[in-house]
Amino acid sequence: MKHRGLEVLVLAYTVDHLSDLERATLAVLGRHADAQGRTFISQALMSARTSQSVRSLQRALRRLETRGLIHVERQGQHRPNRITLDVDRLRSLPEAEVVQTGHADRSDGSQTRQIEHPDPPNRTSRPVTVTPYL
């Protein structure tokens, strides 16, 4: 069975104005979705895969649904909801601009760059250190 995991993972981490949890949630949904973008993954499993509480995950799902990136079809109590990814909508979002803020030499001769988004989507965003593979 073909899934959309890699495509959704790349899109989730390149589009603008998503929180880290929203990005991780999209990546988990993409990993478990079929070729049409549908998944029946439980909130407990998504919570475990994102290392966040179920309540935080529910807020992230609600924000993604409000933005039109996912559609949630409630299946009833004690049954996983059907979540459908809107990959076309995800593709249409603007990409994040990456700004280089500096780099440093490492003891092994390689260089690292510290990058951050010029307008972070939330206050918990931290710069990311990227080490190129040679």
N, C-alpha and C. Protein backbone atom coordinates (compact mmCIF):
# COMPACT_ATOMS: atom_id res chain seq x y z
N MET A 1 0.85 -1.18 0.00
CA MET A 1 0.00 0.00 0.00
C MET A 1 0.90 1.24 0.00
N LYS A 2 0.63 2.14 -0.91
CA LYS A 2 1.39 3.37 -1.01
C LYS A 2 0.84 4.40 -0.02
N HIS A 3 1.74 5.13 0.61
CA HIS A 3 1.31 6.19 1.52
C HIS A 3 1.99 7.49 1.11
N ARG A 4 1.56 8.58 1.71
CA ARG A 4 2.04 9.91 1.31
C ARG A 4 3.03 10.48 2.30
N GLY A 5 3.64 9.64 3.11
CA GLY A 5 4.48 10.07 4.21
C GLY A 5 5.58 11.04 3.86
N LEU A 6 6.42 10.68 2.90
CA LEU A 6 7.56 11.53 2.58
C LEU A 6 7.13 12.87 2.00
N GLU A 7 6.15 12.85 1.11
CA GLU A 7 5.67 14.10 0.51
C GLU A 7 5.11 15.03 1.58
N VAL A 8 4.28 14.51 2.48
CA VAL A 8 3.69 15.33 3.53
C VAL A 8 4.76 15.80 4.51
N LEU A 9 5.72 14.94 4.82
CA LEU A 9 6.81 15.33 5.71
C LEU A 9 7.58 16.53 5.14
N VAL A 10 7.94 16.47 3.87
CA VAL A 10 8.68 17.57 3.23
C VAL A 10 7.83 18.84 3.21
N LEU A 11 6.57 18.71 2.83
CA LEU A 11 5.68 19.88 2.79
C LEU A 11 5.48 20.48 4.18
N ALA A 12 5.29 19.63 5.19
CA ALA A 12 5.04 20.13 6.55
C ALA A 12 6.21 20.94 7.07
N TYR A 13 7.42 20.56 6.70
CA TYR A 13 8.58 21.26 7.22
C TYR A 13 9.09 22.37 6.29
N THR A 14 8.41 22.62 5.18
CA THR A 14 8.83 23.72 4.32
C THR A 14 7.81 24.85 4.24
N VAL A 15 6.56 24.59 4.64
CA VAL A 15 5.57 25.66 4.57
C VAL A 15 5.70 26.60 5.75
N ASP A 16 5.17 27.78 5.58
CA ASP A 16 5.28 28.86 6.56
C ASP A 16 4.14 28.80 7.57
N HIS A 17 4.39 29.32 8.76
CA HIS A 17 3.39 29.58 9.80
C HIS A 17 2.72 28.32 10.35
N LEU A 18 3.49 27.29 10.61
CA LEU A 18 2.99 26.12 11.33
C LEU A 18 3.86 25.95 12.57
N SER A 19 3.25 25.57 13.68
CA SER A 19 4.02 25.31 14.89
C SER A 19 4.76 23.98 14.73
N ASP A 20 5.72 23.74 15.60
CA ASP A 20 6.46 22.49 15.56
C ASP A 20 5.53 21.30 15.75
N LEU A 21 4.56 21.42 16.66
CA LEU A 21 3.62 20.33 16.90
C LEU A 21 2.72 20.10 15.68
N GLU A 22 2.29 21.17 15.02
CA GLU A 22 1.48 21.02 13.82
C GLU A 22 2.28 20.32 12.72
N ARG A 23 3.55 20.67 12.59
CA ARG A 23 4.41 20.01 11.60
C ARG A 23 4.56 18.53 11.92
N ALA A 24 4.84 18.21 13.19
CA ALA A 24 5.01 16.82 13.60
C ALA A 24 3.72 16.03 13.42
N THR A 25 2.59 16.67 13.73
CA THR A 25 1.29 16.01 13.56
C THR A 25 1.03 15.70 12.09
N LEU A 26 1.30 16.65 11.21
CA LEU A 26 1.15 16.40 9.77
C LEU A 26 2.05 15.27 9.31
N ALA A 27 3.28 15.25 9.81
CA ALA A 27 4.22 14.20 9.41
C ALA A 27 3.71 12.82 9.84
N VAL A 28 3.19 12.71 11.06
CA VAL A 28 2.65 11.44 11.54
C VAL A 28 1.42 11.04 10.73
N LEU A 29 0.54 12.00 10.47
CA LEU A 29 -0.64 11.71 9.65
C LEU A 29 -0.24 11.23 8.25
N GLY A 30 0.74 11.91 7.66
CA GLY A 30 1.20 11.51 6.34
C GLY A 30 1.79 10.12 6.33
N ARG A 31 2.50 9.77 7.39
CA ARG A 31 3.12 8.45 7.47
C ARG A 31 2.08 7.34 7.54
N HIS A 32 0.94 7.64 8.15
CA HIS A 32 -0.10 6.62 8.33
C HIS A 32 -1.23 6.73 7.31
N ALA A 33 -1.15 7.69 6.39
CA ALA A 33 -2.22 7.90 5.41
C ALA A 33 -2.05 6.98 4.21
N ASP A 34 -3.16 6.67 3.57
CA ASP A 34 -3.10 5.90 2.33
C ASP A 34 -2.87 6.85 1.16
N ALA A 35 -2.94 6.33 -0.06
CA ALA A 35 -2.65 7.14 -1.25
C ALA A 35 -3.63 8.30 -1.42
N GLN A 36 -4.83 8.18 -0.87
CA GLN A 36 -5.82 9.27 -0.96
C GLN A 36 -5.71 10.24 0.21
N GLY A 37 -4.76 10.02 1.11
CA GLY A 37 -4.56 10.93 2.23
C GLY A 37 -5.42 10.64 3.43
N ARG A 38 -6.08 9.46 3.47
CA ARG A 38 -6.96 9.11 4.59
C ARG A 38 -6.21 8.25 5.60
N THR A 39 -6.52 8.48 6.88
CA THR A 39 -5.93 7.68 7.95
C THR A 39 -6.93 7.52 9.08
N PHE A 40 -6.79 6.42 9.80
CA PHE A 40 -7.64 6.16 10.97
C PHE A 40 -6.79 6.05 12.23
N ILE A 41 -5.64 6.70 12.27
CA ILE A 41 -4.73 6.61 13.41
C ILE A 41 -5.39 7.19 14.67
N SER A 42 -5.18 6.54 15.79
CA SER A 42 -5.79 7.01 17.05
C SER A 42 -5.00 8.19 17.61
N GLN A 43 -5.68 8.98 18.42
CA GLN A 43 -5.02 10.12 19.05
C GLN A 43 -3.96 9.65 20.03
N ALA A 44 -4.15 8.51 20.65
CA ALA A 44 -3.15 7.98 21.59
C ALA A 44 -1.86 7.65 20.85
N LEU A 45 -1.97 7.03 19.68
CA LEU A 45 -0.78 6.70 18.90
C LEU A 45 -0.10 7.96 18.36
N MET A 46 -0.91 8.92 17.87
CA MET A 46 -0.33 10.18 17.40
C MET A 46 0.39 10.90 18.55
N SER A 47 -0.21 10.86 19.73
CA SER A 47 0.40 11.49 20.91
C SER A 47 1.75 10.84 21.21
N ALA A 48 1.81 9.53 21.14
CA ALA A 48 3.07 8.83 21.40
C ALA A 48 4.11 9.16 20.33
N ARG A 49 3.69 9.22 19.07
CA ARG A 49 4.62 9.48 17.97
C ARG A 49 5.15 10.91 17.97
N THR A 50 4.37 11.85 18.50
CA THR A 50 4.81 13.26 18.55
C THR A 50 5.40 13.64 19.90
N SER A 51 5.36 12.73 20.86
CA SER A 51 5.85 12.98 22.22
C SER A 51 5.15 14.16 22.89
N GLN A 52 3.87 14.28 22.63
CA GLN A 52 3.06 15.35 23.22
C GLN A 52 1.85 14.73 23.90
N SER A 53 1.21 15.50 24.78
CA SER A 53 0.00 15.00 25.44
C SER A 53 -1.14 14.93 24.42
N VAL A 54 -2.12 14.10 24.75
CA VAL A 54 -3.29 13.97 23.88
C VAL A 54 -3.99 15.31 23.75
N ARG A 55 -4.07 16.07 24.84
CA ARG A 55 -4.74 17.38 24.81
C ARG A 55 -4.02 18.35 23.87
N SER A 56 -2.68 18.39 23.93
CA SER A 56 -1.92 19.25 23.01
C SER A 56 -2.13 18.82 21.57
N LEU A 57 -2.16 17.52 21.36
CA LEU A 57 -2.40 17.00 20.02
C LEU A 57 -3.78 17.39 19.51
N GLN A 58 -4.79 17.33 20.37
CA GLN A 58 -6.14 17.72 19.97
C GLN A 58 -6.19 19.19 19.55
N ARG A 59 -5.46 20.04 20.27
CA ARG A 59 -5.42 21.46 19.88
C ARG A 59 -4.74 21.63 18.52
N ALA A 60 -3.66 20.89 18.29
CA ALA A 60 -2.97 20.96 17.00
C ALA A 60 -3.89 20.47 15.87
N LEU A 61 -4.62 19.39 16.10
CA LEU A 61 -5.55 18.88 15.09
C LEU A 61 -6.64 19.91 14.79
N ARG A 62 -7.14 20.55 15.83
CA ARG A 62 -8.18 21.57 15.64
C ARG A 62 -7.65 22.74 14.81
N ARG A 63 -6.39 23.19 15.09
CA ARG A 63 -5.80 24.28 14.31
C ARG A 63 -5.59 23.86 12.85
N LEU A 64 -5.13 22.64 12.63
CA LEU A 64 -4.93 22.15 11.26
C LEU A 64 -6.26 22.06 10.52
N GLU A 65 -7.30 21.64 11.23
CA GLU A 65 -8.63 21.55 10.60
C GLU A 65 -9.16 22.94 10.29
N THR A 66 -8.96 23.91 11.19
CA THR A 66 -9.40 25.29 10.96
C THR A 66 -8.71 25.89 9.74
N ARG A 67 -7.43 25.55 9.54
CA ARG A 67 -6.68 26.05 8.39
C ARG A 67 -7.00 25.30 7.10
N GLY A 68 -7.81 24.26 7.18
CA GLY A 68 -8.20 23.53 5.99
C GLY A 68 -7.16 22.53 5.51
N LEU A 69 -6.19 22.19 6.36
CA LEU A 69 -5.15 21.25 5.95
C LEU A 69 -5.56 19.80 6.18
N ILE A 70 -6.52 19.59 7.09
CA ILE A 70 -7.06 18.26 7.31
C ILE A 70 -8.57 18.37 7.43
N HIS A 71 -9.25 17.25 7.19
CA HIS A 71 -10.69 17.16 7.42
C HIS A 71 -10.89 16.00 8.37
N VAL A 72 -11.58 16.25 9.50
CA VAL A 72 -11.80 15.21 10.51
C VAL A 72 -13.25 14.77 10.45
N GLU A 73 -13.44 13.46 10.26
CA GLU A 73 -14.78 12.88 10.27
C GLU A 73 -14.89 12.05 11.54
N ARG A 74 -15.71 12.53 12.48
CA ARG A 74 -15.86 11.84 13.75
C ARG A 74 -16.56 10.51 13.55
N GLN A 75 -16.01 9.44 14.15
CA GLN A 75 -16.54 8.09 13.99
C GLN A 75 -17.33 7.61 15.20
N GLY A 76 -17.33 8.38 16.26
CA GLY A 76 -18.04 7.97 17.47
C GLY A 76 -17.08 7.70 18.61
N GLN A 77 -17.66 7.52 19.77
CA GLN A 77 -16.85 7.33 20.97
C GLN A 77 -16.08 6.02 20.91
N HIS A 78 -14.84 6.06 21.34
CA HIS A 78 -13.93 4.91 21.42
C HIS A 78 -13.56 4.34 20.05
N ARG A 79 -13.73 5.13 19.01
CA ARG A 79 -13.30 4.72 17.66
C ARG A 79 -12.43 5.84 17.10
N PRO A 80 -11.34 5.49 16.41
CA PRO A 80 -10.49 6.54 15.82
C PRO A 80 -11.26 7.32 14.75
N ASN A 81 -11.05 8.63 14.72
CA ASN A 81 -11.65 9.46 13.69
C ASN A 81 -10.98 9.19 12.35
N ARG A 82 -11.70 9.42 11.26
CA ARG A 82 -11.08 9.37 9.94
C ARG A 82 -10.56 10.77 9.65
N ILE A 83 -9.27 10.87 9.42
CA ILE A 83 -8.64 12.16 9.12
C ILE A 83 -8.14 12.11 7.70
N THR A 84 -8.52 13.10 6.90
CA THR A 84 -8.09 13.18 5.52
C THR A 84 -7.20 14.40 5.35
N LEU A 85 -6.00 14.18 4.82
CA LEU A 85 -5.07 15.27 4.56
C LEU A 85 -5.45 15.96 3.26
N ASP A 86 -5.39 17.28 3.25
CA ASP A 86 -5.59 18.04 2.01
C ASP A 86 -4.21 18.44 1.50
N VAL A 87 -3.59 17.52 0.76
CA VAL A 87 -2.22 17.73 0.29
C VAL A 87 -2.17 18.88 -0.70
N ASP A 88 -3.21 19.05 -1.52
CA ASP A 88 -3.23 20.17 -2.46
C ASP A 88 -3.21 21.50 -1.72
N ARG A 89 -3.96 21.61 -0.65
CA ARG A 89 -3.98 22.83 0.15
C ARG A 89 -2.60 23.05 0.80
N LEU A 90 -2.00 21.97 1.28
CA LEU A 90 -0.67 22.06 1.88
C LEU A 90 0.35 22.54 0.86
N ARG A 91 0.24 22.05 -0.38
CA ARG A 91 1.16 22.49 -1.44
C ARG A 91 0.98 23.97 -1.77
N SER A 92 -0.22 24.49 -1.59
CA SER A 92 -0.51 25.88 -1.99
C SER A 92 -0.02 26.91 -0.97
N LEU A 93 0.38 26.46 0.22
CA LEU A 93 0.84 27.41 1.25
C LEU A 93 2.22 27.95 0.89
N PRO A 94 2.51 29.19 1.31
CA PRO A 94 3.84 29.75 1.02
C PRO A 94 4.93 29.01 1.79
N GLU A 95 6.09 28.92 1.15
CA GLU A 95 7.22 28.26 1.80
C GLU A 95 7.87 29.21 2.79
N ALA A 96 8.45 28.63 3.83
CA ALA A 96 9.15 29.41 4.85
C ALA A 96 10.46 29.92 4.27
N GLU A 97 10.80 31.13 4.63
CA GLU A 97 12.08 31.69 4.23
C GLU A 97 13.09 31.34 5.31
N VAL A 98 14.24 30.86 4.90
CA VAL A 98 15.28 30.51 5.85
C VAL A 98 16.35 31.58 5.78
N VAL A 99 16.72 32.11 6.92
CA VAL A 99 17.70 33.17 7.00
C VAL A 99 18.92 32.63 7.73
N GLN A 100 20.09 32.80 7.14
CA GLN A 100 21.31 32.36 7.79
C GLN A 100 21.72 33.41 8.81
N THR A 101 21.94 32.97 10.06
CA THR A 101 22.29 33.92 11.11
C THR A 101 23.75 33.81 11.54
N GLY A 102 24.48 32.92 10.95
CA GLY A 102 25.89 32.80 11.31
C GLY A 102 26.34 31.35 11.20
N HIS A 103 27.63 31.14 11.24
CA HIS A 103 28.15 29.78 11.21
C HIS A 103 29.46 29.74 11.98
N ALA A 104 29.82 28.54 12.37
CA ALA A 104 31.03 28.37 13.18
C ALA A 104 31.78 27.14 12.69
N ASP A 105 33.10 27.16 12.86
CA ASP A 105 33.91 25.99 12.51
C ASP A 105 33.87 25.01 13.67
N ARG A 106 33.84 23.73 13.33
CA ARG A 106 33.89 22.69 14.34
C ARG A 106 35.31 22.15 14.42
N SER A 107 35.58 21.41 15.46
CA SER A 107 36.93 20.89 15.65
C SER A 107 37.34 19.91 14.57
N ASP A 108 36.37 19.26 13.92
CA ASP A 108 36.72 18.31 12.86
C ASP A 108 36.87 18.98 11.49
N GLY A 109 36.79 20.29 11.45
CA GLY A 109 36.98 21.03 10.20
C GLY A 109 35.70 21.34 9.45
N SER A 110 34.57 20.69 9.82
CA SER A 110 33.32 20.99 9.14
C SER A 110 32.72 22.27 9.72
N GLN A 111 31.75 22.80 9.03
CA GLN A 111 31.10 24.02 9.49
C GLN A 111 29.65 23.72 9.85
N THR A 112 29.12 24.48 10.79
CA THR A 112 27.70 24.41 11.12
C THR A 112 27.10 25.78 10.84
N ARG A 113 25.83 25.77 10.48
CA ARG A 113 25.10 27.02 10.28
C ARG A 113 23.92 27.03 11.21
N GLN A 114 23.64 28.17 11.79
CA GLN A 114 22.46 28.31 12.61
C GLN A 114 21.45 29.10 11.79
N ILE A 115 20.25 28.54 11.62
CA ILE A 115 19.23 29.20 10.83
C ILE A 115 17.98 29.38 11.68
N GLU A 116 17.23 30.39 11.37
CA GLU A 116 15.95 30.57 12.04
C GLU A 116 15.00 31.29 11.11
N HIS A 117 13.76 31.12 11.38
CA HIS A 117 12.72 31.75 10.59
C HIS A 117 12.65 33.23 10.96
N PRO A 118 12.52 34.16 9.98
CA PRO A 118 12.50 35.57 10.32
C PRO A 118 11.27 36.00 11.12
N ASP A 119 10.17 35.25 11.00
CA ASP A 119 8.95 35.57 11.72
C ASP A 119 8.43 34.26 12.31
N PRO A 120 8.96 33.83 13.48
CA PRO A 120 8.58 32.53 14.01
C PRO A 120 7.09 32.44 14.27
N PRO A 121 6.46 31.27 13.96
CA PRO A 121 5.03 31.13 14.14
C PRO A 121 4.60 31.06 15.60
N ASN A 122 5.50 30.74 16.51
CA ASN A 122 5.14 30.74 17.92
C ASN A 122 6.36 31.08 18.76
N ARG A 123 6.17 31.32 20.02
CA ARG A 123 7.26 31.77 20.88
C ARG A 123 8.21 30.64 21.28
N THR A 124 7.83 29.40 21.02
CA THR A 124 8.69 28.28 21.41
C THR A 124 9.67 27.92 20.32
N SER A 125 9.64 28.61 19.18
CA SER A 125 10.56 28.31 18.10
C SER A 125 11.99 28.64 18.52
N ARG A 126 12.89 27.72 18.20
CA ARG A 126 14.29 27.92 18.52
C ARG A 126 15.09 27.78 17.24
N PRO A 127 16.26 28.43 17.17
CA PRO A 127 17.10 28.25 15.99
C PRO A 127 17.49 26.78 15.82
N VAL A 128 17.66 26.37 14.59
CA VAL A 128 18.04 25.01 14.27
C VAL A 128 19.48 25.02 13.81
N THR A 129 20.29 24.12 14.33
CA THR A 129 21.68 24.02 13.90
C THR A 129 21.77 22.93 12.84
N VAL A 130 22.33 23.27 11.69
CA VAL A 130 22.44 22.35 10.58
C VAL A 130 23.90 22.04 10.36
N THR A 131 24.24 20.76 10.34
CA THR A 131 25.61 20.33 10.07
C THR A 131 25.62 19.63 8.73
N PRO A 132 26.28 20.18 7.73
CA PRO A 132 26.30 19.55 6.41
C PRO A 132 27.14 18.28 6.42
N TYR A 133 26.68 17.27 5.70
CA TYR A 133 27.44 16.04 5.55
C TYR A 133 28.37 16.19 4.36
N LEU A 134 29.61 15.83 4.53
CA LEU A 134 30.58 15.92 3.45
C LEU A 134 30.94 14.58 2.92
